[in-house]
Amino acid sequence: MRDGLRCRASPTHRQTDVLPSGECNAWVSEIVAAQWAAHLYRAGTLSGSDRLSTVYYRLFQDEAGEPTVRPEGFDHNQFRHISEP
């Protein structure tokens, strides 16, 4: 298994500064190829009072570089598939 793709997004809204979670997921899904978007996992969010929130995503790849499901034993308390609310 290859390490895969890690993506960080700090999207902002013109009026509210922060985008809702679902909209962040939609943006990152549009950035990657359609067959890859089905394998995206949201890996958590960092935020602070003096900076914008940052959302992290992860995509796992097999040895051939194709997207694959999360490997067994790769757990994290904030780690969830992009289709989950």
C-alpha atoms as a PDB file:
ATOM      1  CA  MET A   1       0.000   0.000   0.000  1.00  0.00           C
ATOM      2  CA  ARG A   2       1.253   3.437  -0.917  1.00  0.00           C
ATOM      3  CA  ASP A   3       0.974   6.298   1.520  1.00  0.00           C
ATOM      4  CA  GLY A   4      -1.713   7.998  -0.571  1.00  0.00           C
ATOM      5  CA  LEU A   5      -2.813  11.580  -0.928  1.00  0.00           C
ATOM      6  CA  ARG A   6      -3.215  14.036   1.902  1.00  0.00           C
ATOM      7  CA  CYS A   7      -5.170  17.195   1.247  1.00  0.00           C
ATOM      8  CA  ARG A   8      -5.623  20.274   3.394  1.00  0.00           C
ATOM      9  CA  ALA A   9      -8.298  22.878   2.706  1.00  0.00           C
ATOM     10  CA  SER A  10      -8.878  26.252   4.332  1.00  0.00           C
ATOM     11  CA  PRO A  11     -11.914  27.424   2.398  1.00  0.00           C
ATOM     12  CA  THR A  12     -13.587  30.721   3.218  1.00  0.00           C
ATOM     13  CA  HIS A  13     -16.957  32.230   2.494  1.00  0.00           C
ATOM     14  CA  ARG A  14     -17.111  35.852   1.421  1.00  0.00           C
ATOM     15  CA  GLN A  15     -19.660  36.793   4.115  1.00  0.00           C
ATOM     16  CA  THR A  16     -19.319  34.239   6.930  1.00  0.00           C
ATOM     17  CA  ASP A  17     -15.572  33.437   6.625  1.00  0.00           C
ATOM     18  CA  VAL A  18     -16.091  29.688   7.202  1.00  0.00           C
ATOM     19  CA  LEU A  19     -17.757  27.155   4.887  1.00  0.00           C
ATOM     20  CA  PRO A  20     -20.072  24.469   6.283  1.00  0.00           C
ATOM     21  CA  SER A  21     -18.632  20.950   6.529  1.00  0.00           C
ATOM     22  CA  GLY A  22     -20.699  19.612   3.628  1.00  0.00           C
ATOM     23  CA  GLU A  23     -19.544  22.389   1.333  1.00  0.00           C
ATOM     24  CA  CYS A  24     -15.889  21.694   2.193  1.00  0.00           C
ATOM     25  CA  ASN A  25     -16.491  18.046   1.261  1.00  0.00           C
ATOM     26  CA  ALA A  26     -18.088  19.113  -2.030  1.00  0.00           C
ATOM     27  CA  TRP A  27     -15.120  21.328  -2.942  1.00  0.00           C
ATOM     28  CA  VAL A  28     -12.490  18.672  -2.267  1.00  0.00           C
ATOM     29  CA  SER A  29     -14.593  16.100  -4.167  1.00  0.00           C
ATOM     30  CA  GLU A  30     -14.503  18.391  -7.207  1.00  0.00           C
ATOM     31  CA  ILE A  31     -10.725  18.791  -6.960  1.00  0.00           C
ATOM     32  CA  VAL A  32      -9.944  15.074  -7.290  1.00  0.00           C
ATOM     33  CA  ALA A  33     -11.039  12.783 -10.134  1.00  0.00           C
ATOM     34  CA  ALA A  34     -14.575  11.362  -9.846  1.00  0.00           C
ATOM     35  CA  GLN A  35     -13.426   7.770  -9.237  1.00  0.00           C
ATOM     36  CA  TRP A  36     -11.141   9.032  -6.453  1.00  0.00           C
ATOM     37  CA  ALA A  37     -13.793  11.130  -4.694  1.00  0.00           C
ATOM     38  CA  ALA A  38     -15.632   7.962  -3.604  1.00  0.00           C
ATOM     39  CA  HIS A  39     -12.528   6.998  -1.594  1.00  0.00           C
ATOM     40  CA  LEU A  40     -11.974  10.282   0.267  1.00  0.00           C
ATOM     41  CA  TYR A  41     -11.864  10.302   4.052  1.00  0.00           C
ATOM     42  CA  ARG A  42     -12.202  13.390   6.186  1.00  0.00           C
ATOM     43  CA  ALA A  43      -9.310  13.292   8.631  1.00  0.00           C
ATOM     44  CA  GLY A  44     -10.245  16.108  10.995  1.00  0.00           C
ATOM     45  CA  THR A  45     -10.457  19.857  11.427  1.00  0.00           C
ATOM     46  CA  LEU A  46      -8.177  22.312  13.158  1.00  0.00           C
ATOM     47  CA  SER A  47      -9.364  25.757  14.154  1.00  0.00           C
ATOM     48  CA  GLY A  48      -8.358  28.604  16.376  1.00  0.00           C
ATOM     49  CA  SER A  49      -9.571  32.034  17.390  1.00  0.00           C
ATOM     50  CA  ASP A  50      -6.924  33.851  15.366  1.00  0.00           C
ATOM     51  CA  ARG A  51      -7.052  31.811  12.141  1.00  0.00           C
ATOM     52  CA  LEU A  52      -9.439  30.110   9.763  1.00  0.00           C
ATOM     53  CA  SER A  53     -10.474  26.499  10.195  1.00  0.00           C
ATOM     54  CA  THR A  54      -8.477  23.939   8.238  1.00  0.00           C
ATOM     55  CA  VAL A  55     -10.063  20.677   7.101  1.00  0.00           C
ATOM     56  CA  TYR A  56      -7.858  17.651   6.382  1.00  0.00           C
ATOM     57  CA  TYR A  57      -8.667  14.824   3.956  1.00  0.00           C
ATOM     58  CA  ARG A  58      -6.968  11.531   3.137  1.00  0.00           C
ATOM     59  CA  LEU A  59      -7.082   9.246   0.108  1.00  0.00           C
ATOM     60  CA  PHE A  60      -5.442   5.813   0.242  1.00  0.00           C
ATOM     61  CA  GLN A  61      -3.862   4.224  -2.828  1.00  0.00           C
ATOM     62  CA  ASP A  62      -2.896   0.643  -3.644  1.00  0.00           C
ATOM     63  CA  GLU A  63       0.497  -0.355  -5.060  1.00  0.00           C
ATOM     64  CA  ALA A  64      -0.636   0.559  -8.577  1.00  0.00           C
ATOM     65  CA  GLY A  65      -1.586   4.063  -7.449  1.00  0.00           C
ATOM     66  CA  GLU A  66      -5.331   3.424  -7.650  1.00  0.00           C
ATOM     67  CA  PRO A  67      -7.660   4.677  -4.905  1.00  0.00           C
ATOM     68  CA  THR A  68      -8.634   2.094  -2.302  1.00  0.00           C
ATOM     69  CA  VAL A  69     -10.587   1.794   0.948  1.00  0.00           C
ATOM     70  CA  ARG A  70      -9.019   2.659   4.279  1.00  0.00           C
ATOM     71  CA  PRO A  71      -6.653  -0.124   5.382  1.00  0.00           C
ATOM     72  CA  GLU A  72      -7.532  -2.295   8.379  1.00  0.00           C
ATOM     73  CA  GLY A  73      -6.109  -0.933  11.597  1.00  0.00           C
ATOM     74  CA  PHE A  74      -5.901   2.647  10.357  1.00  0.00           C
ATOM     75  CA  ASP A  75      -8.154   4.292  12.915  1.00  0.00           C
ATOM     76  CA  HIS A  76      -8.486   7.809  14.210  1.00  0.00           C
ATOM     77  CA  ASN A  77     -11.239   9.334  16.332  1.00  0.00           C
ATOM     78  CA  GLN A  78     -12.081  12.001  13.701  1.00  0.00           C
ATOM     79  CA  PHE A  79     -11.423   9.828  10.644  1.00  0.00           C
ATOM     80  CA  ARG A  80     -14.580   9.174   8.574  1.00  0.00           C
ATOM     81  CA  HIS A  81     -15.648   8.550   4.989  1.00  0.00           C
ATOM     82  CA  ILE A  82     -16.614  11.705   3.115  1.00  0.00           C
ATOM     83  CA  SER A  83     -20.188  10.403   2.656  1.00  0.00           C
ATOM     84  CA  GLU A  84     -20.756  10.338   6.438  1.00  0.00           C
ATOM     85  CA  PRO A  85     -22.267  13.480   8.032  1.00  0.00           C
END
